[in-house]
C-alpha atoms as a PDB file:
ATOM      1  CA  UNK A   1     122.730  87.212  18.355  1.00  0.00           C
ATOM      2  CA  UNK A   2     119.467  85.957  20.054  1.00  0.00           C
ATOM      3  CA  UNK A   3     117.383  88.088  22.001  1.00  0.00           C
ATOM      4  CA  UNK A   4     118.292  86.190  25.115  1.00  0.00           C
ATOM      5  CA  UNK A   5     122.197  86.994  24.474  1.00  0.00           C
ATOM      6  CA  UNK A   6     121.436  90.617  23.807  1.00  0.00           C
ATOM      7  CA  UNK A   7     119.309  91.117  26.847  1.00  0.00           C
ATOM      8  CA  UNK A   8     122.127  89.315  28.979  1.00  0.00           C
ATOM      9  CA  UNK A   9     124.793  91.536  27.524  1.00  0.00           C
ATOM     10  CA  UNK A  10     122.743  94.739  28.082  1.00  0.00           C
ATOM     11  CA  UNK A  11     121.602  93.631  31.718  1.00  0.00           C
ATOM     12  CA  UNK A  12     125.561  93.020  32.040  1.00  0.00           C
ATOM     13  CA  UNK A  13     126.550  96.371  30.931  1.00  0.00           C
ATOM     14  CA  UNK A  14     124.022  98.283  32.953  1.00  0.00           C
ATOM     15  CA  UNK A  15     125.114  96.388  36.026  1.00  0.00           C
ATOM     16  CA  UNK A  16     128.711  96.971  35.493  1.00  0.00           C
ATOM     17  CA  UNK A  17     128.264 100.389  34.356  1.00  0.00           C
ATOM     18  CA  UNK A  18     126.361 101.307  37.417  1.00  0.00           C
ATOM     19  CA  UNK A  19     128.996  99.653  39.730  1.00  0.00           C
ATOM     20  CA  UNK A  20     131.825 101.413  38.010  1.00  0.00           C
ATOM     21  CA  UNK A  21     130.021 104.875  38.055  1.00  0.00           C
ATOM     22  CA  UNK A  22     129.430 104.564  41.726  1.00  0.00           C
ATOM     23  CA  UNK A  23     132.818 103.888  42.508  1.00  0.00           C
ATOM     24  CA  UNK A  24     134.264 106.331  40.394  1.00  0.00           C
ATOM     25  CA  UNK A  25     131.616 109.024  42.048  1.00  0.00           C
ATOM     26  CA  UNK A  26     132.972 107.831  45.378  1.00  0.00           C
ATOM     27  CA  UNK A  27     136.341 108.756  44.300  1.00  0.00           C
ATOM     28  CA  UNK A  28     135.437 112.342  43.694  1.00  0.00           C
ATOM     29  CA  UNK A  29     132.558 113.070  45.795  1.00  0.00           C
ATOM     30  CA  UNK A  30     132.223 110.839  48.826  1.00  0.00           C
ATOM     31  CA  UNK A  31     135.614 109.814  50.093  1.00  0.00           C
ATOM     32  CA  UNK A  32     137.153 112.444  47.786  1.00  0.00           C
ATOM     33  CA  UNK A  33     140.607 112.522  45.986  1.00  0.00           C
ATOM     34  CA  UNK A  34     142.618 113.341  49.063  1.00  0.00           C
ATOM     35  CA  UNK A  35     141.394 110.472  50.860  1.00  0.00           C
ATOM     36  CA  UNK A  36     141.723 108.039  47.794  1.00  0.00           C
ATOM     37  CA  UNK A  37     145.128 109.566  47.315  1.00  0.00           C
ATOM     38  CA  UNK A  38     146.078 108.793  50.819  1.00  0.00           C
ATOM     39  CA  UNK A  39     144.775 105.365  50.560  1.00  0.00           C
ATOM     40  CA  UNK A  40     146.680 104.606  47.421  1.00  0.00           C
ATOM     41  CA  UNK A  41     149.773 106.103  48.824  1.00  0.00           C
ATOM     42  CA  UNK A  42     149.655 103.986  51.831  1.00  0.00           C
ATOM     43  CA  UNK A  43     149.508 101.131  49.695  1.00  0.00           C
ATOM     44  CA  UNK A  44     152.374 101.909  47.989  1.00  0.00           C
ATOM     45  CA  UNK A  45     151.214 102.589  44.673  1.00  0.00           C
ATOM     46  CA  UNK A  46     153.450 104.593  42.498  1.00  0.00           C
ATOM     47  CA  UNK A  47     152.636 108.105  41.578  1.00  0.00           C
ATOM     48  CA  UNK A  48     149.488 108.036  44.029  1.00  0.00           C
ATOM     49  CA  UNK A  49     148.700 111.566  43.355  1.00  0.00           C
ATOM     50  CA  UNK A  50     148.351 110.839  39.524  1.00  0.00           C
ATOM     51  CA  UNK A  51     146.961 107.184  40.244  1.00  0.00           C
ATOM     52  CA  UNK A  52     143.988 108.191  42.085  1.00  0.00           C
ATOM     53  CA  UNK A  53     142.335 110.810  39.850  1.00  0.00           C
ATOM     54  CA  UNK A  54     143.032 108.540  36.790  1.00  0.00           C
ATOM     55  CA  UNK A  55     141.563 105.628  38.505  1.00  0.00           C
ATOM     56  CA  UNK A  56     138.374 107.896  39.355  1.00  0.00           C
ATOM     57  CA  UNK A  57     138.001 109.145  35.748  1.00  0.00           C
ATOM     58  CA  UNK A  58     138.367 105.761  34.480  1.00  0.00           C
ATOM     59  CA  UNK A  59     135.883 104.257  36.702  1.00  0.00           C
ATOM     60  CA  UNK A  60     133.352 107.210  36.232  1.00  0.00           C
ATOM     61  CA  UNK A  61     133.822 107.715  32.501  1.00  0.00           C
ATOM     62  CA  UNK A  62     134.502 104.225  31.611  1.00  0.00           C
ATOM     63  CA  UNK A  63     131.233 103.093  33.545  1.00  0.00           C
ATOM     64  CA  UNK A  64     129.034 105.455  31.589  1.00  0.00           C
ATOM     65  CA  UNK A  65     130.684 104.034  28.213  1.00  0.00           C
ATOM     66  CA  UNK A  66     130.115 100.548  29.165  1.00  0.00           C
ATOM     67  CA  UNK A  67     126.639 101.196  30.251  1.00  0.00           C
ATOM     68  CA  UNK A  68     126.141 102.848  27.127  1.00  0.00           C
ATOM     69  CA  UNK A  69     127.919 100.339  25.114  1.00  0.00           C
ATOM     70  CA  UNK A  70     130.372 103.091  23.515  1.00  0.00           C
ATOM     71  CA  UNK A  71     133.793 101.925  22.524  1.00  0.00           C
ATOM     72  CA  UNK A  72     133.113  98.855  24.654  1.00  0.00           C
ATOM     73  CA  UNK A  73     136.356  96.796  23.652  1.00  0.00           C
ATOM     74  CA  UNK A  74     138.848  99.545  24.287  1.00  0.00           C
ATOM     75  CA  UNK A  75     137.067 100.819  27.501  1.00  0.00           C
ATOM     76  CA  UNK A  76     136.648  96.952  28.698  1.00  0.00           C
ATOM     77  CA  UNK A  77     140.396  96.350  28.537  1.00  0.00           C
ATOM     78  CA  UNK A  78     141.422  99.680  30.086  1.00  0.00           C
ATOM     79  CA  UNK A  79     138.962  99.023  32.974  1.00  0.00           C
ATOM     80  CA  UNK A  80     140.384  95.355  33.302  1.00  0.00           C
ATOM     81  CA  UNK A  81     143.877  96.542  33.561  1.00  0.00           C
ATOM     82  CA  UNK A  82     142.710  98.976  36.445  1.00  0.00           C
ATOM     83  CA  UNK A  83     140.956  96.172  37.962  1.00  0.00           C
ATOM     84  CA  UNK A  84     143.903  93.848  37.954  1.00  0.00           C
ATOM     85  CA  UNK A  85     146.051  96.780  39.486  1.00  0.00           C
ATOM     86  CA  UNK A  86     143.559  97.143  42.356  1.00  0.00           C
ATOM     87  CA  UNK A  87     143.499  93.293  42.787  1.00  0.00           C
ATOM     88  CA  UNK A  88     147.357  93.286  43.188  1.00  0.00           C
ATOM     89  CA  UNK A  89     147.952  96.712  44.908  1.00  0.00           C
ATOM     90  CA  UNK A  90     144.714  97.000  47.213  1.00  0.00           C
ATOM     91  CA  UNK A  91     142.961  93.904  47.588  1.00  0.00           C
ATOM     92  CA  UNK A  92     145.178  90.761  47.265  1.00  0.00           C
ATOM     93  CA  UNK A  93     146.740  90.740  50.867  1.00  0.00           C
ATOM     94  CA  UNK A  94     142.885  90.524  52.469  1.00  0.00           C
ATOM     95  CA  UNK A  95     141.939  87.448  50.633  1.00  0.00           C
ATOM     96  CA  UNK A  96     138.995  86.818  48.390  1.00  0.00           C
ATOM     97  CA  UNK A  97     136.054  88.051  50.166  1.00  0.00           C
ATOM     98  CA  UNK A  98     135.042  91.757  49.385  1.00  0.00           C
ATOM     99  CA  UNK A  99     133.538  92.059  52.926  1.00  0.00           C
ATOM    100  CA  UNK A 100     137.172  91.565  54.124  1.00  0.00           C
ATOM    101  CA  UNK A 101     138.844  94.015  51.517  1.00  0.00           C
ATOM    102  CA  UNK A 102     139.528  90.982  49.326  1.00  0.00           C
ATOM    103  CA  UNK A 103     139.810  91.022  45.538  1.00  0.00           C
ATOM    104  CA  UNK A 104     136.322  89.180  44.761  1.00  0.00           C
ATOM    105  CA  UNK A 105     134.676  92.411  43.361  1.00  0.00           C
ATOM    106  CA  UNK A 106     137.499  93.893  41.458  1.00  0.00           C
ATOM    107  CA  UNK A 107     138.009  90.085  40.074  1.00  0.00           C
ATOM    108  CA  UNK A 108     134.435  89.781  39.132  1.00  0.00           C
ATOM    109  CA  UNK A 109     134.441  93.206  37.439  1.00  0.00           C
ATOM    110  CA  UNK A 110     137.724  92.442  35.489  1.00  0.00           C
ATOM    111  CA  UNK A 111     136.524  89.064  34.446  1.00  0.00           C
ATOM    112  CA  UNK A 112     133.187  90.620  33.234  1.00  0.00           C
ATOM    113  CA  UNK A 113     135.242  93.353  31.230  1.00  0.00           C
ATOM    114  CA  UNK A 114     137.194  90.557  29.535  1.00  0.00           C
ATOM    115  CA  UNK A 115     133.926  89.007  28.378  1.00  0.00           C
ATOM    116  CA  UNK A 116     132.744  92.276  27.020  1.00  0.00           C
ATOM    117  CA  UNK A 117     136.056  92.729  25.270  1.00  0.00           C
ATOM    118  CA  UNK A 118     135.654  89.261  23.702  1.00  0.00           C
ATOM    119  CA  UNK A 119     131.806  89.340  22.819  1.00  0.00           C
ATOM    120  CA  UNK A 120     131.219  93.243  22.334  1.00  0.00           C
ATOM    121  CA  UNK A 121     128.405  95.476  23.418  1.00  0.00           C
ATOM    122  CA  UNK A 122     125.815  93.613  21.522  1.00  0.00           C
ATOM    123  CA  UNK A 123     123.080  94.867  19.271  1.00  0.00           C
ATOM    124  CA  UNK A 124     121.498  97.415  21.929  1.00  0.00           C
ATOM    125  CA  UNK A 125     124.517  99.715  22.204  1.00  0.00           C
ATOM    126  CA  UNK A 126     126.206 102.788  20.509  1.00  0.00           C
ATOM    127  CA  UNK A 127     128.886 100.417  19.244  1.00  0.00           C
ATOM    128  CA  UNK A 128     126.065  98.591  17.141  1.00  0.00           C
ATOM    129  CA  UNK A 129     124.649 101.931  16.156  1.00  0.00           C
ATOM    130  CA  UNK A 130     127.875 103.169  14.829  1.00  0.00           C
ATOM    131  CA  UNK A 131     128.579  99.973  12.829  1.00  0.00           C
ATOM    132  CA  UNK A 132     125.160 100.104  11.212  1.00  0.00           C
ATOM    133  CA  UNK A 133     125.671 103.560  10.394  1.00  0.00           C
ATOM    134  CA  UNK A 134     129.041 102.659   8.852  1.00  0.00           C
ATOM    135  CA  UNK A 135     127.779  99.840   6.907  1.00  0.00           C
ATOM    136  CA  UNK A 136     124.815 102.049   5.542  1.00  0.00           C
ATOM    137  CA  UNK A 137     127.279 104.646   4.514  1.00  0.00           C
ATOM    138  CA  UNK A 138     129.689 102.494   2.894  1.00  0.00           C
ATOM    139  CA  UNK A 139     126.734 100.927   0.971  1.00  0.00           C
ATOM    140  CA  UNK A 140     125.360 104.367  -0.120  1.00  0.00           C
ATOM    141  CA  UNK A 141     128.879 105.245  -1.291  1.00  0.00           C
ATOM    142  CA  UNK A 142     129.088 102.145  -3.335  1.00  0.00           C
ATOM    143  CA  UNK A 143     125.977 102.621  -4.806  1.00  0.00           C
ATOM    144  CA  UNK A 144     126.876 106.302  -5.781  1.00  0.00           C
ATOM    145  CA  UNK A 145     130.050 105.090  -7.347  1.00  0.00           C
ATOM    146  CA  UNK A 146     128.288 102.338  -9.403  1.00  0.00           C
ATOM    147  CA  UNK A 147     125.469 104.541 -10.581  1.00  0.00           C
END
């Protein structure tokens, strides 16, 4: 990939990661699980007492993993599904604009996650480091076998 694409992927991962970490942190430390669980329950989200901490963990840990580019494709799909749920259950009735409680932020995050799923994390990521190590190990093993 070109350097411009790598920079764009890195900056996108950093931005999405920070946003997700902030929202996950909020669910545990600012609003708190009790407040989020009550909100989820008021929206009619099934098993709100399980869904609230699950969403918080996915946003917090998933945000860290997206930021680092670790298991990006799998994590991106999980986050995209969570954002779809947020759009449907929590934001759709408020229209588009996030300022009014609408779905634009979760929609943008979901779309970004779909892009990361399709493209991958890029060369400056833990995923790329793992792939390089695997190919080096495979080449070393092949060399040992043929020697």
